[in-house]
Amino acid sequence: MTVNEIAQVIEELAPLDYAEDFDNVGLLVGNKNAEVHGVLVTLDTLENVVEEAILHQCNLIVSFHPILFNGLKKITGKNYVERVILKAIQNNISIYAIHTALDNCFGGVNAKICETLGLTNNKILIPQEGSIKKLTTYVPVEEASPLKDKLFQAGAGNIGNYSDCSFSVEGMGSYKADQEANPTRGKIGKTHLEKETLISVTFPKHREIAVIQALLENHSYEEVAYEIMTLENKNQQIGMGMIGTLKKPMTETNFLNHLKKSMNTEMVRHSKLLGKSIQKVAVLGGSGAFAIGNAKAAGADIFVTADVKYHQFYEAENQLVIADIGHFETEQFTKNLLVDYLTKKIPNFAIRLSESITNPIKYF
């Protein structure tokens, strides 16, 4: 398999279109057409991780965090980022990063936290805006059903747990072909009236190219009339954080102990305990303090995240408990998630879980 083919498999789980604008995801180092002999999956791409890839003859590193985040003007090896890039290039190792694309997908980072904590009925905490589009087109009546089938196959018409969703209405279309045209219906220079069906379907934005291709390849008109618009509807399957429910309520102290044990963390920094039971739990892997207000609005009893600053703990305002378990700790199982996914999708390929612990923070 090539680097690009493996990237396509990863992007079935976490399309890059849903990564945050500030992020740097996708193939960061290497040739997309290079043949892959082995894949090493890691949370961070550090020098020791590249050395681990060399040792195990893996020439593709799939990393959660991007080693290249800000632009580089020189690559001289003066810092750890430049040394990683040099070592990877010198050893023909490609580096691919997924980061917030996996944060924002329904089966990604936050789903793994929910699974680890035993949460059920999980929903996206902050649904992403601008990720749903709508296609409207016009087709001869007898072609409407076959065309809709092709659009559905291309990924249109899925709304939550429903598929093959569309809206249709019949009307009369008109056009006049000029001398350069080659109309499939009607005659040059004469206004033609055609009974048409208006078809509207929604689709996730990462399927836009496939949906348009299906439309153009399966529509009989020489010039296909269609409109695409971005909807303001929030995507309930894409977005930051998740909120779920414990099967049974716990006391705050019992939940914090459960949190430490389940997430394998040595310390939990938390806001004031409120003397209430914990059942509704919001989570957001990585730096998630920006979502404290969302967790409160969703009725969470506790919000589990990382990198909360001193003054941000005040934002709990006696409405919930904020629990900071550490950045690495919230994301540590992400590489296991990716290995499990890739192993199922590519069962006969060498997918290796990195043994390197890349947490830069130590506790005394």
Protein backbone atom coordinates (compact mmCIF):
# COMPACT_ATOMS: atom_id res chain seq x y z
CA MET A 1 0.00 0.00 0.00
CA THR A 2 1.09 3.58 -0.55
CA VAL A 3 1.13 6.41 1.97
CA ASN A 4 -1.86 7.94 0.19
CA GLU A 5 -3.89 4.71 0.34
CA ILE A 6 -3.34 4.39 4.08
CA ALA A 7 -4.18 8.08 4.53
CA GLN A 8 -7.49 7.49 2.73
CA VAL A 9 -8.31 4.69 5.18
CA ILE A 10 -7.58 6.97 8.15
CA GLU A 11 -9.68 9.75 6.63
CA GLU A 12 -12.69 7.45 6.39
CA LEU A 13 -12.67 7.64 10.19
CA ALA A 14 -11.58 11.27 10.52
CA PRO A 15 -11.94 13.39 7.34
CA LEU A 16 -9.42 16.23 7.29
CA ASP A 17 -12.20 18.67 6.30
CA TYR A 18 -13.31 18.68 9.94
CA ALA A 19 -9.95 19.64 11.44
CA GLU A 20 -9.83 23.10 13.02
CA ASP A 21 -8.59 25.95 10.84
CA PHE A 22 -5.55 26.57 13.04
CA ASP A 23 -4.37 22.98 12.76
CA ASN A 24 -1.79 21.31 10.51
CA VAL A 25 -3.01 17.85 9.53
CA GLY A 26 -2.41 15.30 6.80
CA LEU A 27 0.90 14.25 5.26
CA LEU A 28 3.59 16.49 6.78
CA VAL A 29 6.73 14.72 5.57
CA GLY A 30 7.26 12.33 2.66
CA ASN A 31 5.90 11.29 -0.73
CA LYS A 32 2.23 10.30 -0.86
CA ASN A 33 3.02 7.71 -3.53
CA ALA A 34 5.76 5.98 -1.52
CA GLU A 35 5.20 2.30 -0.81
CA VAL A 36 4.69 1.60 2.89
CA HIS A 37 6.42 -1.36 4.55
CA GLY A 38 5.18 -0.76 8.07
CA VAL A 39 3.20 1.79 10.11
CA LEU A 40 4.11 3.06 13.57
CA VAL A 41 1.28 4.80 15.44
CA THR A 42 2.18 7.36 18.09
CA LEU A 43 0.76 10.26 20.06
CA ASP A 44 3.74 12.52 19.32
CA THR A 45 6.53 12.26 16.75
CA LEU A 46 9.76 12.75 18.70
CA GLU A 47 13.34 11.70 17.90
CA ASN A 48 13.04 8.48 19.87
CA VAL A 49 9.82 7.66 17.99
CA VAL A 50 11.61 8.04 14.65
CA GLU A 51 14.38 5.79 15.98
CA GLU A 52 11.71 3.27 17.01
CA ALA A 53 10.31 3.39 13.47
CA ILE A 54 13.78 2.77 12.03
CA LEU A 55 14.34 -0.16 14.42
CA HIS A 56 11.09 -1.85 13.40
CA GLN A 57 11.39 -0.96 9.69
CA CYS A 58 8.29 1.23 9.69
CA ASN A 59 8.55 3.92 7.02
CA LEU A 60 5.26 5.67 7.89
CA ILE A 61 4.59 7.29 11.25
CA VAL A 62 0.94 8.06 11.97
CA SER A 63 0.93 10.65 14.72
CA PHE A 64 -1.91 12.26 16.60
CA HIS A 65 -0.09 15.56 17.21
CA PRO A 66 1.60 17.27 14.26
CA ILE A 67 5.36 17.73 14.70
CA LEU A 68 5.12 20.60 12.21
CA PHE A 69 2.72 23.16 13.59
CA ASN A 70 4.29 26.53 12.90
CA GLY A 71 6.26 27.33 9.77
CA LEU A 72 9.97 26.49 9.51
CA LYS A 73 12.39 28.81 7.70
CA LYS A 74 15.44 26.61 8.27
CA ILE A 75 16.04 22.94 9.00
CA THR A 76 19.45 22.81 10.65
CA GLY A 77 18.75 20.51 13.59
CA LYS A 78 18.96 23.26 16.23
CA ASN A 79 15.79 22.10 18.02
CA TYR A 80 13.80 18.90 18.47
CA VAL A 81 11.33 19.71 15.67
CA GLU A 82 14.08 20.24 13.11
CA ARG A 83 15.96 17.14 14.29
CA VAL A 84 12.84 14.99 13.88
CA ILE A 85 12.26 16.29 10.33
CA LEU A 86 15.91 15.74 9.37
CA LYS A 87 15.99 12.21 10.79
CA ALA A 88 12.73 11.28 9.08
CA ILE A 89 13.86 12.60 5.69
CA GLN A 90 17.31 10.98 5.99
CA ASN A 91 15.65 7.61 6.63
CA ASN A 92 12.83 7.96 4.04
CA ILE A 93 10.15 7.96 6.74
CA SER A 94 6.85 9.70 6.06
CA ILE A 95 4.93 11.47 8.84
CA TYR A 96 1.16 11.84 8.82
CA ALA A 97 -0.79 13.72 11.53
CA ILE A 98 -4.53 13.60 12.26
CA HIS A 99 -4.99 15.78 15.41
CA THR A 100 -8.23 17.83 15.49
CA ALA A 101 -9.77 15.85 12.63
CA LEU A 102 -9.83 12.93 15.09
CA ASP A 103 -10.85 15.25 17.94
CA ASN A 104 -13.93 16.27 15.96
CA CYS A 105 -15.09 12.88 14.67
CA PHE A 106 -17.80 10.96 16.52
CA GLY A 107 -15.64 7.86 17.04
CA GLY A 108 -12.47 9.74 17.93
CA VAL A 109 -10.55 11.00 20.94
CA ASN A 110 -13.51 11.95 23.11
CA ALA A 111 -15.41 8.77 22.30
CA LYS A 112 -12.38 6.86 23.61
CA ILE A 113 -12.46 8.83 26.86
CA CYS A 114 -16.19 8.11 27.21
CA GLU A 115 -15.58 4.42 26.60
CA THR A 116 -12.78 4.35 29.18
CA LEU A 117 -14.97 6.03 31.79
CA GLY A 118 -17.95 3.76 31.02
CA LEU A 119 -20.26 6.50 29.74
CA THR A 120 -23.37 5.78 27.68
CA ASN A 121 -25.75 7.80 25.47
CA ASN A 122 -22.81 9.91 24.29
CA LYS A 123 -23.41 13.05 22.26
CA ILE A 124 -21.21 15.75 20.77
CA LEU A 125 -20.71 18.60 23.25
CA ILE A 126 -20.05 21.37 20.68
CA PRO A 127 -21.52 20.36 17.28
CA GLN A 128 -19.55 21.84 14.39
CA GLU A 129 -21.13 24.54 12.27
CA GLY A 130 -20.74 24.89 8.53
CA SER A 131 -20.13 21.19 7.94
CA ILE A 132 -23.48 20.32 6.30
CA LYS A 133 -24.21 21.28 2.70
CA LYS A 134 -27.27 21.03 0.49
CA LEU A 135 -27.48 20.23 -3.21
CA THR A 136 -30.48 21.30 -5.26
CA THR A 137 -30.75 20.18 -8.87
CA TYR A 138 -33.33 19.70 -11.63
CA VAL A 139 -33.70 16.55 -13.70
CA PRO A 140 -36.25 15.10 -16.18
CA VAL A 141 -38.98 13.34 -14.19
CA GLU A 142 -38.13 9.83 -15.33
CA GLU A 143 -34.46 10.27 -14.35
CA ALA A 144 -35.13 11.47 -10.80
CA SER A 145 -35.12 8.12 -9.01
CA PRO A 146 -31.94 6.72 -10.65
CA LEU A 147 -30.11 10.01 -10.04
CA LYS A 148 -31.08 10.07 -6.36
CA ASP A 149 -29.74 6.54 -5.98
CA LYS A 150 -26.38 7.65 -7.38
CA LEU A 151 -26.30 10.68 -5.07
CA PHE A 152 -27.04 8.46 -2.08
CA GLN A 153 -24.22 6.13 -3.09
CA ALA A 154 -21.88 9.14 -3.19
CA GLY A 155 -22.68 9.99 0.43
CA ALA A 156 -25.66 12.34 0.20
CA GLY A 157 -28.95 11.97 2.03
CA ASN A 158 -27.74 10.81 5.46
CA ILE A 159 -29.30 12.57 8.45
CA GLY A 160 -28.42 11.07 11.84
CA ASN A 161 -29.69 7.49 11.89
CA TYR A 162 -31.58 7.91 8.59
CA SER A 163 -30.28 7.37 5.07
CA ASP A 164 -31.55 7.99 1.52
CA CYS A 165 -33.18 11.25 2.63
CA SER A 166 -34.29 13.75 -0.02
CA PHE A 167 -37.03 16.18 -1.00
CA SER A 168 -38.56 16.25 -4.49
CA VAL A 169 -41.17 18.35 -6.24
CA GLU A 170 -42.25 18.35 -9.89
CA GLY A 171 -42.46 21.43 -12.07
CA MET A 172 -41.80 22.74 -15.58
CA GLY A 173 -38.27 23.62 -16.66
CA SER A 174 -37.45 25.71 -19.71
CA TYR A 175 -34.36 26.56 -21.73
CA LYS A 176 -33.26 27.54 -25.24
CA ALA A 177 -30.11 26.02 -26.73
CA ASP A 178 -27.82 28.33 -28.73
CA GLN A 179 -25.92 27.41 -31.89
CA GLU A 180 -22.92 26.00 -30.01
CA ALA A 181 -24.98 23.74 -27.79
CA ASN A 182 -25.58 20.02 -28.10
CA PRO A 183 -28.89 19.52 -26.26
CA THR A 184 -30.00 16.03 -25.27
CA ARG A 185 -33.60 17.28 -25.30
CA GLY A 186 -35.12 20.06 -27.43
CA LYS A 187 -33.85 21.78 -30.57
CA ILE A 188 -31.29 24.52 -31.13
CA GLY A 189 -32.79 27.99 -31.19
CA LYS A 190 -36.17 26.96 -29.81
CA THR A 191 -37.41 27.27 -26.23
CA HIS A 192 -37.89 23.81 -24.80
CA LEU A 193 -40.25 22.93 -21.96
CA GLU A 194 -39.44 19.85 -19.91
CA LYS A 195 -41.29 18.24 -16.98
CA GLU A 196 -38.61 18.14 -14.31
CA THR A 197 -38.17 17.05 -10.72
CA LEU A 198 -36.43 19.36 -8.28
CA ILE A 199 -34.25 17.25 -5.98
CA SER A 200 -32.74 18.50 -2.70
CA VAL A 201 -30.32 16.43 -0.65
CA THR A 202 -27.98 17.29 2.20
CA PHE A 203 -24.47 15.89 2.55
CA PRO A 204 -21.40 16.27 4.82
CA LYS A 205 -18.94 18.74 3.35
CA HIS A 206 -16.14 16.20 2.91
CA ARG A 207 -18.34 14.36 0.37
CA GLU A 208 -18.83 17.41 -1.88
CA ILE A 209 -16.46 16.33 -4.67
CA ALA A 210 -17.98 12.84 -4.80
CA VAL A 211 -21.56 14.17 -4.78
CA ILE A 212 -20.90 16.65 -7.60
CA GLN A 213 -19.12 13.98 -9.61
CA ALA A 214 -22.08 11.61 -9.18
CA LEU A 215 -24.45 14.37 -10.28
CA LEU A 216 -22.53 15.30 -13.43
CA GLU A 217 -21.83 11.69 -14.44
CA ASN A 218 -25.46 10.58 -14.11
CA HIS A 219 -27.41 13.62 -15.36
CA SER A 220 -28.43 13.54 -19.01
CA TYR A 221 -28.24 17.30 -19.68
CA GLU A 222 -25.24 18.83 -21.42
CA GLU A 223 -25.33 21.69 -18.89
CA VAL A 224 -26.47 20.61 -15.44
CA ALA A 225 -28.23 23.24 -13.36
CA TYR A 226 -27.48 22.85 -9.66
CA GLU A 227 -26.94 24.88 -6.51
CA ILE A 228 -24.86 24.08 -3.43
CA MET A 229 -25.20 25.97 -0.19
CA THR A 230 -23.69 25.63 3.26
CA LEU A 231 -26.34 25.20 5.94
CA GLU A 232 -26.36 26.78 9.38
CA ASN A 233 -27.58 23.49 10.87
CA LYS A 234 -25.16 22.07 13.43
CA ASN A 235 -23.74 18.62 12.69
CA GLN A 236 -24.63 16.32 15.58
CA GLN A 237 -22.02 13.79 14.44
CA ILE A 238 -19.06 16.17 14.19
CA GLY A 239 -17.60 18.52 16.78
CA MET A 240 -15.53 19.10 19.90
CA GLY A 241 -16.01 17.17 23.14
CA MET A 242 -18.70 14.73 24.20
CA ILE A 243 -21.20 14.38 27.00
CA GLY A 244 -22.45 11.06 28.32
CA THR A 245 -24.05 9.40 31.31
CA LEU A 246 -22.74 7.02 33.96
CA LYS A 247 -24.85 3.89 34.34
CA LYS A 248 -25.16 4.65 38.06
CA PRO A 249 -24.55 7.93 39.91
CA MET A 250 -21.34 8.26 41.93
CA THR A 251 -20.31 10.56 44.73
CA GLU A 252 -17.83 13.20 43.65
CA THR A 253 -15.00 11.51 45.56
CA ASN A 254 -15.77 8.08 44.10
CA PHE A 255 -15.90 9.51 40.60
CA LEU A 256 -12.55 11.28 41.02
CA ASN A 257 -11.02 7.99 42.17
CA HIS A 258 -12.64 6.25 39.20
CA LEU A 259 -11.23 8.97 36.95
CA LYS A 260 -7.68 8.58 38.30
CA LYS A 261 -7.75 4.81 37.93
CA SER A 262 -9.46 4.64 34.53
CA MET A 263 -7.37 7.38 32.93
CA ASN A 264 -4.15 6.25 34.60
CA THR A 265 -3.32 9.69 35.96
CA GLU A 266 -1.28 10.48 39.06
CA MET A 267 -3.14 13.67 39.88
CA VAL A 268 -6.48 15.40 39.29
CA ARG A 269 -6.68 19.18 39.65
CA HIS A 270 -10.28 20.13 40.29
CA SER A 271 -12.57 22.97 41.29
CA LYS A 272 -14.56 22.98 44.53
CA LEU A 273 -16.61 19.86 45.19
CA LEU A 274 -20.31 20.65 45.44
CA GLY A 275 -21.61 17.73 47.50
CA LYS A 276 -23.71 16.49 44.59
CA SER A 277 -23.76 13.12 42.84
CA ILE A 278 -22.05 12.71 39.48
CA GLN A 279 -23.91 11.11 36.59
CA LYS A 280 -23.73 13.42 33.56
CA VAL A 281 -20.11 13.75 32.45
CA ALA A 282 -18.67 16.08 29.80
CA VAL A 283 -15.21 15.36 28.36
CA LEU A 284 -12.84 17.12 25.99
CA GLY A 285 -9.39 15.73 25.29
CA GLY A 286 -6.47 18.14 25.27
CA SER A 287 -6.78 21.83 26.09
CA GLY A 288 -10.51 22.15 26.66
CA ALA A 289 -11.08 25.04 29.05
CA PHE A 290 -12.79 26.99 26.26
CA ALA A 291 -15.72 24.54 26.57
CA ILE A 292 -16.47 25.08 30.26
CA GLY A 293 -19.52 27.16 29.36
CA ASN A 294 -20.73 24.46 26.94
CA ALA A 295 -20.41 21.81 29.65
CA LYS A 296 -22.46 23.94 32.04
CA ALA A 297 -25.10 24.65 29.40
CA ALA A 298 -25.39 20.91 28.69
CA GLY A 299 -26.11 20.21 32.36
CA ALA A 300 -22.92 18.29 33.08
CA ASP A 301 -22.13 17.42 36.69
CA ILE A 302 -18.42 17.34 35.95
CA PHE A 303 -16.21 18.42 33.04
CA VAL A 304 -13.07 16.35 32.40
CA THR A 305 -10.37 18.06 30.33
CA ALA A 306 -6.82 19.45 30.57
CA ASP A 307 -4.68 22.59 30.66
CA VAL A 308 -7.14 24.59 32.78
CA LYS A 309 -5.62 27.85 34.02
CA TYR A 310 -5.98 29.22 37.57
CA HIS A 311 -8.72 31.74 36.85
CA GLN A 312 -10.62 29.35 34.60
CA PHE A 313 -11.45 27.14 37.58
CA TYR A 314 -13.61 30.03 38.85
CA GLU A 315 -15.84 29.53 35.81
CA ALA A 316 -17.32 26.43 37.45
CA GLU A 317 -19.44 28.92 39.47
CA ASN A 318 -20.83 26.16 41.71
CA GLN A 319 -22.68 24.67 38.73
CA LEU A 320 -20.33 21.74 38.04
CA VAL A 321 -16.92 20.37 38.95
CA ILE A 322 -14.01 21.01 36.58
CA ALA A 323 -11.44 18.20 36.56
CA ASP A 324 -8.06 18.68 34.89
CA ILE A 325 -6.30 15.33 34.49
CA GLY A 326 -3.44 16.46 32.21
CA HIS A 327 -3.08 16.89 28.45
CA PHE A 328 -1.25 13.62 27.79
CA GLU A 329 -3.59 11.72 30.08
CA THR A 330 -6.73 12.77 28.18
CA GLU A 331 -5.21 11.69 24.85
CA GLN A 332 -3.05 8.73 25.85
CA PHE A 333 -5.42 6.07 24.47
CA THR A 334 -5.71 7.77 21.08
CA LYS A 335 -2.88 5.75 19.56
CA ASN A 336 -4.59 2.54 20.71
CA LEU A 337 -7.78 3.71 19.01
CA LEU A 338 -5.91 4.28 15.73
CA VAL A 339 -4.08 0.94 15.90
CA ASP A 340 -7.33 -0.94 16.54
CA TYR A 341 -9.03 0.90 13.66
CA LEU A 342 -6.20 0.37 11.16
CA THR A 343 -5.75 -3.28 12.15
CA LYS A 344 -9.43 -3.95 11.41
CA LYS A 345 -9.36 -2.00 8.15
CA ILE A 346 -6.00 -3.40 6.94
CA PRO A 347 -5.73 -6.77 8.71
CA ASN A 348 -2.85 -8.10 6.64
CA PHE A 349 -0.59 -5.08 7.09
CA ALA A 350 2.08 -4.30 9.69
CA ILE A 351 0.52 -1.80 12.10
CA ARG A 352 2.63 -1.22 15.21
CA LEU A 353 1.74 0.62 18.44
CA SER A 354 4.59 2.88 19.54
CA GLU A 355 6.05 1.90 22.90
CA SER A 356 7.50 5.36 23.44
CA ILE A 357 5.93 7.40 26.26
CA THR A 358 5.95 10.94 24.97
CA ASN A 359 4.49 12.77 27.97
CA PRO A 360 6.84 15.72 28.68
CA ILE A 361 5.34 16.32 32.14
CA LYS A 362 6.63 14.47 35.19
CA TYR A 363 5.21 14.44 38.72
CA PHE A 364 7.26 14.56 41.92
